[in-house]
Protein backbone atom coordinates (compact mmCIF):
# COMPACT_ATOMS: atom_id res chain seq x y z
CA MET A 1 -41.39 64.24 25.34
CA ALA A 2 -44.64 65.35 23.73
CA LEU A 3 -45.74 63.24 20.76
CA SER A 4 -46.59 66.24 18.59
CA VAL A 5 -45.41 69.79 18.13
CA LYS A 6 -46.96 72.86 16.55
CA ILE A 7 -44.77 74.79 14.14
CA VAL A 8 -45.28 77.84 11.98
CA ILE A 9 -43.97 77.82 8.41
CA PRO A 10 -42.10 81.17 8.38
CA ALA A 11 -42.63 81.94 4.69
CA THR A 12 -46.38 81.25 4.61
CA GLY A 13 -47.50 81.68 8.22
CA ARG A 14 -49.17 78.28 8.07
CA ASN A 15 -49.64 76.52 11.44
CA ILE A 16 -48.93 72.80 11.27
CA GLU A 17 -49.09 70.15 13.96
CA LEU A 18 -46.32 67.65 13.38
CA PRO A 19 -46.33 64.19 14.99
CA THR A 20 -43.03 63.47 16.74
CA GLY A 21 -43.56 59.97 18.14
CA LEU A 22 -43.02 56.51 16.75
CA PHE A 23 -45.94 55.26 14.64
CA ILE A 24 -46.92 51.74 15.71
CA ASN A 25 -50.35 50.15 15.35
CA ASN A 26 -51.79 53.40 13.91
CA GLU A 27 -50.80 55.39 17.01
CA PHE A 28 -47.95 57.75 17.82
CA VAL A 29 -46.14 56.43 20.88
CA PRO A 30 -42.97 57.15 22.88
CA SER A 31 -39.95 54.89 22.77
CA ALA A 32 -40.23 51.80 24.93
CA ASP A 33 -36.81 52.26 26.49
CA SER A 34 -35.03 55.36 25.20
CA ASN A 35 -35.09 59.12 25.72
CA GLU A 36 -33.00 59.82 22.62
CA VAL A 37 -34.29 62.32 20.06
CA ILE A 38 -33.48 63.29 16.50
CA HIS A 39 -33.24 66.99 15.69
CA ALA A 40 -34.75 67.99 12.34
CA ILE A 41 -32.62 70.81 10.89
CA ASN A 42 -33.69 73.34 8.25
CA PRO A 43 -30.75 73.26 5.78
CA ALA A 44 -31.56 76.72 4.45
CA THR A 45 -31.23 78.39 7.86
CA GLU A 46 -29.39 75.78 9.97
CA ASP A 47 -32.12 76.17 12.62
CA VAL A 48 -33.76 73.29 14.48
CA ILE A 49 -37.33 72.76 13.25
CA CYS A 50 -38.29 70.32 16.00
CA SER A 51 -37.17 67.06 17.60
CA VAL A 52 -38.69 63.61 17.11
CA VAL A 53 -38.42 60.38 19.08
CA ALA A 54 -35.42 58.27 18.07
CA GLY A 55 -36.42 54.63 17.97
CA SER A 56 -34.35 51.93 19.67
CA GLU A 57 -33.73 48.28 18.82
CA LYS A 58 -36.55 47.35 21.21
CA ASP A 59 -38.88 49.73 19.37
CA ILE A 60 -38.01 47.94 16.13
CA ASP A 61 -38.93 44.64 17.83
CA ILE A 62 -42.30 46.06 18.88
CA ALA A 63 -43.00 47.44 15.41
CA VAL A 64 -42.05 44.14 13.74
CA ALA A 65 -44.37 42.28 16.11
CA ALA A 66 -47.19 44.67 15.21
CA ALA A 67 -46.50 44.16 11.52
CA ARG A 68 -46.44 40.37 11.93
CA LYS A 69 -49.74 40.35 13.81
CA ALA A 70 -51.38 42.48 11.11
CA PHE A 71 -49.97 40.25 8.37
CA ASN A 72 -51.42 37.17 10.05
CA THR A 73 -54.84 38.65 10.89
CA THR A 74 -56.03 41.74 9.04
CA TRP A 75 -53.70 42.01 6.02
CA GLY A 76 -51.60 39.53 4.04
CA LYS A 77 -53.84 36.75 2.74
CA ASN A 78 -56.74 37.95 4.90
CA VAL A 79 -57.81 40.86 2.69
CA THR A 80 -58.81 40.98 -0.95
CA GLY A 81 -56.87 42.75 -3.67
CA PHE A 82 -59.94 44.91 -4.23
CA LYS A 83 -59.79 46.21 -0.66
CA ARG A 84 -56.04 46.82 -0.89
CA SER A 85 -56.67 48.79 -4.07
CA ARG A 86 -59.40 50.86 -2.46
CA LEU A 87 -57.20 51.78 0.50
CA LEU A 88 -54.25 52.72 -1.72
CA ASN A 89 -56.48 54.97 -3.78
CA LYS A 90 -57.85 56.55 -0.60
CA LEU A 91 -54.32 57.22 0.60
CA ALA A 92 -53.49 58.85 -2.74
CA ASP A 93 -56.56 61.07 -2.39
CA LEU A 94 -55.49 62.21 1.09
CA ILE A 95 -51.96 63.02 -0.08
CA GLU A 96 -53.46 65.02 -2.94
CA ARG A 97 -55.64 66.90 -0.44
CA ASP A 98 -52.60 67.75 1.74
CA GLN A 99 -50.18 68.32 -1.15
CA GLN A 100 -49.29 71.90 -0.26
CA ILE A 101 -48.79 71.16 3.44
CA LEU A 102 -46.57 68.18 2.68
CA ALA A 103 -44.56 70.24 0.19
CA GLU A 104 -43.94 73.01 2.70
CA VAL A 105 -42.79 70.57 5.39
CA GLU A 106 -40.62 68.75 2.85
CA SER A 107 -38.96 72.02 1.88
CA LEU A 108 -38.42 72.97 5.50
CA ASP A 109 -36.88 69.60 6.36
CA ASN A 110 -35.01 68.74 3.14
CA GLY A 111 -34.36 72.16 1.58
CA LYS A 112 -35.77 71.51 -1.89
CA PRO A 113 -38.08 74.14 -3.43
CA VAL A 114 -41.74 73.88 -2.43
CA ARG A 115 -42.88 73.89 -6.06
CA ILE A 116 -40.49 71.03 -6.92
CA ALA A 117 -41.67 68.99 -3.92
CA ARG A 118 -45.32 69.71 -4.72
CA ASP A 119 -45.41 69.48 -8.51
CA PHE A 120 -42.84 66.72 -9.02
CA ASP A 121 -42.13 64.58 -5.94
CA ILE A 122 -45.62 64.54 -4.45
CA CYS A 123 -47.46 64.39 -7.77
CA ASP A 124 -45.28 61.41 -8.68
CA THR A 125 -46.03 59.75 -5.34
CA ILE A 126 -49.78 60.15 -5.84
CA GLN A 127 -49.47 58.60 -9.28
CA CYS A 128 -47.29 55.79 -7.89
CA LEU A 129 -49.90 54.85 -5.29
CA ARG A 130 -52.66 54.87 -7.89
CA TYR A 131 -50.55 52.82 -10.29
CA TYR A 132 -50.04 50.07 -7.70
CA ALA A 133 -53.66 50.34 -6.56
CA GLY A 134 -54.41 49.18 -10.08
CA TRP A 135 -52.15 46.15 -9.62
CA ALA A 136 -53.51 45.05 -6.22
CA ASP A 137 -56.26 42.80 -7.63
CA LYS A 138 -54.27 41.64 -10.65
CA ILE A 139 -51.44 39.69 -9.01
CA VAL A 140 -51.85 36.31 -10.65
CA GLY A 141 -49.96 33.07 -11.10
CA GLN A 142 -49.92 30.47 -13.86
CA THR A 143 -51.72 27.23 -14.57
CA ILE A 144 -49.12 24.81 -15.97
CA GLU A 145 -49.85 21.70 -18.01
CA VAL A 146 -48.31 18.56 -16.50
CA ASN A 147 -50.56 15.72 -17.66
CA ASN A 148 -54.01 16.67 -18.83
CA LYS A 149 -55.45 13.31 -17.78
CA THR A 150 -54.06 13.09 -14.26
CA LYS A 151 -52.31 16.21 -12.98
CA LEU A 152 -51.94 19.95 -13.15
CA ALA A 153 -49.77 22.51 -11.43
CA PHE A 154 -50.41 26.14 -10.63
CA THR A 155 -48.48 28.96 -9.00
CA ARG A 156 -49.46 31.47 -6.36
CA HIS A 157 -47.70 34.79 -5.86
CA ASP A 158 -48.03 35.16 -2.10
CA PRO A 159 -47.10 38.32 -0.18
CA ILE A 160 -43.61 37.82 1.17
CA GLY A 161 -44.52 39.00 4.68
CA VAL A 162 -43.10 41.68 6.98
CA CYS A 163 -40.88 44.15 5.13
CA GLY A 164 -38.28 46.46 6.58
CA GLN A 165 -37.97 49.54 4.39
CA ILE A 166 -35.11 52.01 4.79
CA ILE A 167 -35.38 55.20 2.76
CA PRO A 168 -32.96 58.08 2.06
CA TRP A 169 -33.08 61.81 2.61
CA ASN A 170 -32.85 63.09 -0.97
CA TYR A 171 -36.45 62.27 -1.97
CA PRO A 172 -38.21 61.53 1.34
CA ILE A 173 -41.77 61.45 -0.01
CA SER A 174 -41.01 59.89 -3.40
CA MET A 175 -38.92 57.09 -1.90
CA TRP A 176 -41.64 56.46 0.69
CA GLY A 177 -44.12 56.00 -2.16
CA TRP A 178 -41.80 53.79 -4.23
CA LYS A 179 -41.39 51.44 -1.26
CA VAL A 180 -44.85 51.48 0.32
CA ALA A 181 -47.04 51.25 -2.80
CA PRO A 182 -45.91 47.89 -4.26
CA ALA A 183 -45.53 46.32 -0.81
CA LEU A 184 -49.09 47.20 0.20
CA ALA A 185 -50.46 46.23 -3.21
CA CYS A 186 -49.00 42.73 -2.73
CA GLY A 187 -50.34 42.40 0.83
CA CYS A 188 -47.12 42.89 2.79
CA THR A 189 -46.84 44.77 6.07
CA ILE A 190 -44.15 47.36 6.69
CA VAL A 191 -41.75 48.74 9.26
CA MET A 192 -40.46 51.95 7.71
CA LYS A 193 -37.26 53.69 8.81
CA PRO A 194 -36.99 57.16 7.30
CA SER A 195 -33.66 58.94 7.18
CA GLU A 196 -32.70 60.59 10.44
CA LEU A 197 -32.02 63.76 8.42
CA THR A 198 -35.57 64.03 7.02
CA PRO A 199 -38.10 62.24 9.26
CA LEU A 200 -40.95 64.76 9.23
CA THR A 201 -42.94 63.95 6.09
CA ALA A 202 -42.80 60.19 6.78
CA LEU A 203 -44.56 60.90 10.09
CA LEU A 204 -47.17 63.10 8.38
CA LEU A 205 -47.76 60.37 5.80
CA SER A 206 -48.20 57.89 8.66
CA LYS A 207 -51.10 59.98 9.95
CA LEU A 208 -52.70 59.62 6.53
CA ILE A 209 -52.20 55.83 6.65
CA ALA A 210 -54.45 55.72 9.72
CA GLU A 211 -56.94 58.21 8.25
CA ALA A 212 -57.21 56.18 5.04
CA GLY A 213 -58.36 53.17 7.06
CA PHE A 214 -55.43 50.76 6.87
CA PRO A 215 -55.63 48.28 9.77
CA PRO A 216 -53.29 48.88 12.73
CA GLY A 217 -49.84 47.42 12.22
CA VAL A 218 -49.91 47.38 8.42
CA VAL A 219 -47.53 50.37 8.23
CA ASN A 220 -45.29 51.31 11.15
CA THR A 221 -42.78 54.17 11.12
CA ILE A 222 -39.69 54.26 13.33
CA PRO A 223 -37.41 57.29 12.93
CA SER A 224 -34.03 56.10 14.11
CA LEU A 225 -30.32 56.42 13.53
CA GLY A 226 -29.15 54.09 10.77
CA PRO A 227 -26.71 52.07 12.91
CA ILE A 228 -29.57 51.38 15.34
CA GLY A 229 -32.89 51.10 13.49
CA GLY A 230 -31.52 50.18 10.07
CA ALA A 231 -29.17 47.60 11.54
CA ALA A 232 -31.93 46.11 13.70
CA LEU A 233 -34.28 45.72 10.73
CA SER A 234 -31.58 44.17 8.57
CA ALA A 235 -30.66 41.58 11.20
CA HIS A 236 -34.19 40.91 12.50
CA ARG A 237 -35.18 37.26 12.26
CA ASP A 238 -38.90 38.02 11.89
CA VAL A 239 -38.43 40.43 8.96
CA ASP A 240 -38.94 38.60 5.66
CA LYS A 241 -37.53 41.23 3.32
CA VAL A 242 -35.56 44.44 3.56
CA ALA A 243 -35.61 47.16 0.90
CA PHE A 244 -32.97 49.87 1.05
CA THR A 245 -32.11 52.99 -0.93
CA GLY A 246 -28.83 54.66 -0.04
CA SER A 247 -25.08 54.28 -0.23
CA THR A 248 -23.26 51.22 -1.54
CA ALA A 249 -21.28 50.96 1.72
CA THR A 250 -24.46 50.73 3.79
CA GLY A 251 -25.99 48.35 1.25
CA ARG A 252 -23.13 45.92 1.83
CA LYS A 253 -23.77 45.99 5.59
CA ILE A 254 -27.47 45.35 5.08
CA MET A 255 -26.82 42.42 2.76
CA GLU A 256 -24.37 40.92 5.22
CA ALA A 257 -26.79 41.28 8.13
CA ALA A 258 -29.62 39.78 6.08
CA ALA A 259 -27.46 36.78 5.20
CA LYS A 260 -26.22 36.22 8.75
CA SER A 261 -29.70 36.40 10.29
CA ASN A 262 -32.47 34.61 8.37
CA LEU A 263 -31.37 34.97 4.73
CA LYS A 264 -34.19 37.47 4.18
CA LYS A 265 -34.85 38.76 0.69
CA VAL A 266 -32.99 41.97 -0.09
CA SER A 267 -33.44 44.70 -2.69
CA LEU A 268 -30.87 47.47 -2.86
CA GLU A 269 -30.91 50.71 -4.84
CA LEU A 270 -27.45 52.11 -4.24
CA GLY A 271 -24.98 54.69 -5.48
CA GLY A 272 -24.04 55.81 -8.93
CA LYS A 273 -21.52 57.78 -10.95
CA SER A 274 -23.55 58.02 -14.09
CA PRO A 275 -22.09 58.88 -17.51
CA HIS A 276 -23.79 61.24 -19.96
CA LEU A 277 -22.55 61.20 -23.58
CA ILE A 278 -22.98 64.03 -26.08
CA PHE A 279 -22.34 63.03 -29.70
CA GLU A 280 -21.71 65.53 -32.50
CA SER A 281 -25.07 64.87 -34.22
CA ALA A 282 -27.05 65.84 -31.10
CA ASP A 283 -29.34 68.84 -30.76
CA LEU A 284 -26.84 70.79 -28.64
CA ASP A 285 -29.31 73.21 -27.11
CA GLN A 286 -31.55 70.39 -25.90
CA ALA A 287 -28.59 68.26 -24.87
CA ALA A 288 -27.30 71.13 -22.71
CA ASN A 289 -30.72 71.47 -21.06
CA TRP A 290 -30.84 67.76 -20.25
CA ALA A 291 -27.22 67.75 -19.05
CA CYS A 292 -28.04 70.57 -16.63
CA LEU A 293 -31.12 68.73 -15.42
CA GLY A 294 -29.04 65.57 -15.01
CA ILE A 295 -26.57 67.13 -12.59
CA LEU A 296 -28.43 70.08 -11.07
CA TYR A 297 -31.88 68.65 -10.37
CA ASN A 298 -32.33 68.27 -6.62
CA THR A 299 -29.02 70.14 -6.29
CA GLY A 300 -27.21 67.05 -7.57
CA GLN A 301 -28.46 64.91 -4.67
CA ASP A 302 -29.63 62.13 -6.93
CA CYS A 303 -28.34 58.56 -7.26
CA THR A 304 -28.56 58.77 -11.07
CA ALA A 305 -27.05 62.25 -11.34
CA GLY A 306 -25.24 62.55 -14.67
CA SER A 307 -22.06 63.65 -12.96
CA ARG A 308 -19.64 62.46 -15.67
CA LEU A 309 -20.29 64.28 -18.94
CA TYR A 310 -18.32 63.25 -22.02
CA VAL A 311 -18.53 65.42 -25.15
CA GLN A 312 -17.30 64.57 -28.64
CA ASP A 313 -14.15 66.50 -29.60
CA SER A 314 -15.66 68.23 -32.63
CA ILE A 315 -18.31 70.04 -30.52
CA TYR A 316 -16.54 70.18 -27.16
CA ASP A 317 -15.75 73.92 -26.87
CA LYS A 318 -19.10 75.02 -28.26
CA PHE A 319 -21.02 72.68 -26.00
CA VAL A 320 -19.13 73.53 -22.82
CA ALA A 321 -19.77 77.25 -23.38
CA LEU A 322 -23.47 76.54 -23.87
CA LEU A 323 -23.57 74.30 -20.81
CA VAL A 324 -21.96 76.90 -18.55
CA GLN A 325 -24.35 79.56 -19.79
CA LYS A 326 -27.38 77.40 -19.01
CA ALA A 327 -26.07 76.27 -15.61
CA LYS A 328 -25.74 79.92 -14.60
CA GLU A 329 -29.46 80.40 -15.23
CA LEU A 330 -30.53 78.04 -12.44
CA VAL A 331 -31.41 79.77 -9.18
CA ILE A 332 -30.20 77.91 -6.10
CA GLY A 333 -31.99 79.55 -3.20
CA ASP A 334 -34.54 79.33 -0.43
CA GLY A 335 -37.13 76.64 -1.09
CA PHE A 336 -40.00 79.04 -0.43
CA ASP A 337 -38.91 81.39 -3.21
CA GLU A 338 -40.87 80.49 -6.37
CA LYS A 339 -37.85 81.48 -8.49
CA SER A 340 -35.66 78.80 -6.91
CA GLY A 341 -34.98 75.75 -9.05
CA GLY A 342 -32.79 74.15 -6.40
CA GLY A 343 -32.20 74.44 -2.68
CA PRO A 344 -29.34 73.83 -0.26
CA VAL A 345 -27.80 70.41 0.23
CA VAL A 346 -29.41 68.53 3.07
CA SER A 347 -26.94 68.86 5.96
CA LYS A 348 -23.65 70.23 7.21
CA VAL A 349 -22.07 66.79 6.75
CA GLN A 350 -23.16 66.72 3.10
CA TYR A 351 -22.08 70.33 2.58
CA ASP A 352 -18.59 69.57 3.90
CA LYS A 353 -18.38 66.40 1.80
CA VAL A 354 -19.29 68.25 -1.42
CA TRP A 355 -16.83 71.05 -0.72
CA GLY A 356 -14.16 68.50 0.08
CA TYR A 357 -14.56 67.08 -3.43
CA ILE A 358 -14.53 70.55 -5.01
CA GLU A 359 -11.25 71.40 -3.25
CA ASN A 360 -9.83 68.02 -4.21
CA GLY A 361 -10.73 68.62 -7.85
CA LYS A 362 -8.83 71.89 -7.78
CA ALA A 363 -5.87 70.27 -6.07
CA GLN A 364 -5.71 67.43 -8.61
CA GLY A 365 -5.53 69.89 -11.50
CA ALA A 366 -9.07 69.98 -12.90
CA LYS A 367 -10.07 73.36 -14.32
CA LEU A 368 -13.08 75.22 -12.97
CA ALA A 369 -15.41 76.42 -15.72
CA LEU A 370 -18.09 77.48 -13.23
CA GLY A 371 -18.51 77.78 -9.47
CA GLY A 372 -16.04 76.70 -6.84
CA GLN A 373 -16.62 79.65 -4.51
CA LYS A 374 -18.43 79.41 -1.19
CA ARG A 375 -21.33 81.70 -0.41
CA PRO A 376 -21.21 83.85 2.72
CA GLY A 377 -23.91 83.53 5.38
CA LYS A 378 -26.02 80.70 6.72
CA GLY A 379 -27.44 77.74 4.85
CA PHE A 380 -25.83 74.74 3.18
CA PHE A 381 -25.88 76.25 -0.31
CA VAL A 382 -23.61 74.96 -3.06
CA ASP A 383 -23.78 76.66 -6.45
CA PRO A 384 -23.47 74.75 -9.75
CA THR A 385 -19.85 73.71 -10.22
CA ILE A 386 -18.36 72.49 -13.52
CA PHE A 387 -14.87 71.04 -13.92
CA THR A 388 -13.09 70.52 -17.25
CA ASP A 389 -9.61 69.15 -18.08
CA ILE A 390 -10.37 66.05 -16.05
CA LYS A 391 -8.52 62.73 -15.83
CA GLN A 392 -10.17 59.37 -15.22
CA ASP A 393 -8.28 58.72 -11.97
CA MET A 394 -9.41 61.96 -10.29
CA LYS A 395 -11.65 61.54 -7.23
CA ILE A 396 -14.25 63.90 -8.73
CA VAL A 397 -14.51 61.50 -11.69
CA GLN A 398 -14.51 58.23 -9.74
CA ASP A 399 -16.49 58.98 -6.55
CA GLU A 400 -20.17 59.70 -6.04
CA ILE A 401 -20.29 63.30 -4.77
CA PHE A 402 -24.05 63.82 -4.36
CA GLY A 403 -23.95 67.52 -5.07
CA PRO A 404 -24.14 69.92 -8.04
CA VAL A 405 -20.62 69.09 -9.24
CA LEU A 406 -20.04 68.07 -12.86
CA SER A 407 -16.90 66.66 -14.47
CA VAL A 408 -16.69 67.24 -18.24
CA GLY A 409 -14.38 65.13 -20.39
CA ARG A 410 -14.03 64.54 -24.12
CA PHE A 411 -13.90 61.66 -26.58
CA LYS A 412 -13.14 61.17 -30.27
CA THR A 413 -14.92 57.97 -31.23
CA GLU A 414 -18.03 56.07 -30.23
CA GLU A 415 -15.89 53.21 -28.93
CA GLU A 416 -13.92 55.57 -26.71
CA ALA A 417 -17.13 57.11 -25.37
CA ILE A 418 -18.49 53.70 -24.39
CA ALA A 419 -15.21 52.72 -22.73
CA LEU A 420 -15.15 55.94 -20.68
CA ALA A 421 -18.79 55.58 -19.72
CA ASN A 422 -18.36 52.02 -18.48
CA ASP A 423 -15.15 52.77 -16.57
CA THR A 424 -16.86 52.76 -13.17
CA THR A 425 -17.82 50.30 -10.45
CA TYR A 426 -21.38 51.64 -10.59
CA GLY A 427 -24.15 50.91 -13.06
CA LEU A 428 -27.33 52.78 -12.12
CA GLY A 429 -27.97 55.25 -14.92
CA ALA A 430 -26.48 56.50 -18.18
CA GLY A 431 -27.50 58.88 -20.93
CA LEU A 432 -26.67 59.73 -24.52
CA HIS A 433 -27.63 62.39 -27.04
CA SER A 434 -27.46 61.69 -30.74
CA ASN A 435 -29.66 62.15 -33.80
CA ASP A 436 -28.20 59.01 -35.40
CA ALA A 437 -30.80 56.29 -34.67
CA ASN A 438 -28.39 53.44 -35.32
CA GLN A 439 -25.87 54.98 -32.95
CA CYS A 440 -28.55 55.38 -30.28
CA MET A 441 -29.32 51.66 -30.50
CA ARG A 442 -25.67 50.59 -30.48
CA VAL A 443 -24.63 52.78 -27.57
CA SER A 444 -27.71 52.20 -25.40
CA SER A 445 -27.07 48.47 -25.76
CA ALA A 446 -23.39 48.81 -24.84
CA LEU A 447 -23.82 51.01 -21.76
CA GLU A 448 -23.64 49.04 -18.51
CA ALA A 449 -26.49 50.59 -16.56
CA GLY A 450 -29.92 49.63 -15.29
CA THR A 451 -31.47 52.71 -16.90
CA VAL A 452 -30.33 54.38 -20.11
CA TRP A 453 -31.82 57.66 -21.29
CA VAL A 454 -31.66 58.55 -24.99
CA ASN A 455 -32.03 62.26 -25.84
CA GLN A 456 -33.27 62.98 -22.32
CA TYR A 457 -32.11 62.40 -18.75
CA SER A 458 -33.29 61.86 -15.16
CA LEU A 459 -36.99 61.31 -15.82
CA VAL A 460 -38.56 58.09 -14.57
CA ASN A 461 -42.06 56.69 -14.92
CA ASN A 462 -44.00 54.65 -12.39
CA ASN A 463 -44.75 51.93 -14.95
CA VAL A 464 -41.10 51.50 -16.02
CA PRO A 465 -38.65 49.47 -13.87
CA PHE A 466 -35.75 51.20 -12.14
CA GLY A 467 -32.63 49.71 -10.60
CA GLY A 468 -28.93 49.14 -11.00
CA LYS A 469 -26.15 46.86 -12.18
CA LYS A 470 -22.71 46.20 -10.70
CA GLN A 471 -22.31 48.02 -7.36
CA SER A 472 -25.45 50.10 -7.86
CA GLY A 473 -27.64 47.41 -6.38
CA ILE A 474 -29.90 44.44 -6.95
CA GLY A 475 -33.62 44.18 -7.62
CA ARG A 476 -36.00 46.60 -9.30
CA GLU A 477 -38.41 49.28 -8.20
CA LEU A 478 -41.41 50.58 -10.15
CA GLY A 479 -43.40 48.92 -12.89
CA SER A 480 -44.68 45.37 -12.66
CA TYR A 481 -41.12 44.24 -11.83
CA ALA A 482 -41.37 45.74 -8.33
CA LEU A 483 -44.16 43.29 -7.48
CA GLU A 484 -41.62 40.47 -7.74
CA GLU A 485 -39.67 42.03 -4.87
CA TYR A 486 -42.66 41.69 -2.52
CA THR A 487 -44.03 38.29 -3.50
CA SER A 488 -42.95 34.68 -3.08
CA VAL A 489 -43.86 32.18 -5.79
CA LYS A 490 -45.41 28.95 -4.55
CA ALA A 491 -45.91 25.98 -6.89
CA VAL A 492 -48.88 23.72 -6.17
CA HIS A 493 -48.88 20.22 -7.77
CA TRP A 494 -52.36 18.69 -7.92
CA ASN A 495 -52.90 15.01 -8.62
CA PHE A 496 -56.42 14.16 -9.69
CA GLY A 497 -55.92 10.91 -11.56
CA GLU A 498 -52.64 9.12 -10.91
CA THR A 499 -52.42 6.27 -8.42
CA LEU A 500 -49.10 5.35 -6.88
CA GLU A 501 -48.09 1.72 -6.74
CA TRP A 502 -46.11 0.74 -3.64
CA PRO A 503 -43.49 -0.47 -2.94
CA LEU A 504 -41.29 1.03 -5.65
């Protein structure tokens, strides 16, 4: 097949040439041994946008070899932090230049509104790259006193090596940035596997990698089905680290493969069923806004989605009425409509999964306060859906749905709220709203989650670590903590004055 395709963005008339090959050694190439393709589907229309090469296990081998060669010759310890910083900043500049084009392709491929992709996801990615560009020449170790007269020790934080990075479909550009930026800042090389549902912007970003001047082999991109490309990376004996964002079930498989192959380092950002607590002292209007953002942003396709909302008894009825009113105000529509605040869910499989949970909620006796009716026509659109009268053992309360579906429960006391919040196998995010400062400190300390939001929700910052507890994963992304995921600490013991007497 051809290694690029020209498409026209229907809403804007923009002509774009999309690469469709595998990106290895700064070139787009066909598969070494496969004719398989991946069809990119527009979730708003259900039409095929284009098809891209589907990488095979052999293609992963070739990409890993390219990454290893670059690590040993033109990257890794062979390039200064200053140069890594300069290239990361150049890449950020190119993404900023192409921001509108990337946003339009992202909307076409993922479904999210263009303005959300442009003003939030891509802006955040540009900032992320620049943040880690600032770190590239500041990765330092320690000098450790051993014996001032005879010995000293020091540590080096070396790049860990070749990294397999497997990213999800809900934030294709943002997750690309979260993975690529710290790895490149530390001097690692990369084999990237984007989601088979949303491969297009990863390929466009790969073009910018070459344009920015990164040496061949530093970043390689292999669109592939998860059981093929993802599995091959996880089990590869020449991959030193694998970073994954996605489901807990897949995370377990990756961890097992990493252990059975070469015990490679693993970082996992997995699922969540995040609690959101509303106490009676809260600013209810603001709390309702943040609760809507927590479950409806990105049409609920967010690992930290605040999908379990618990409201104190004394304000429950008032707050639920306010919440429903505000949820109705969000426009879920075509991503190219500036009025849209959310788009369709990403695929038919995801659409059917979300509707399966909605029907199950009805069947198990939860009460619909909003939504629950399918739209006619094409597109994988799911409107905001709010359930009340829930029980803790309901599937809509226990399972990660990954759609705009909210379960609302109630509590009487602070202790009950904490118990309800922590009654989950996940531990990615949690939120609370209260104007009692002491309560905010108590509850934020008691919540079992890697991120806790107080009087806000969902927002993350590139300089603040992000990651989970329990079955929501291991390791951290963002902030200085992410650098630890891509470095290996070496201790050097230096003797300059002690003589060894022998035999002992």
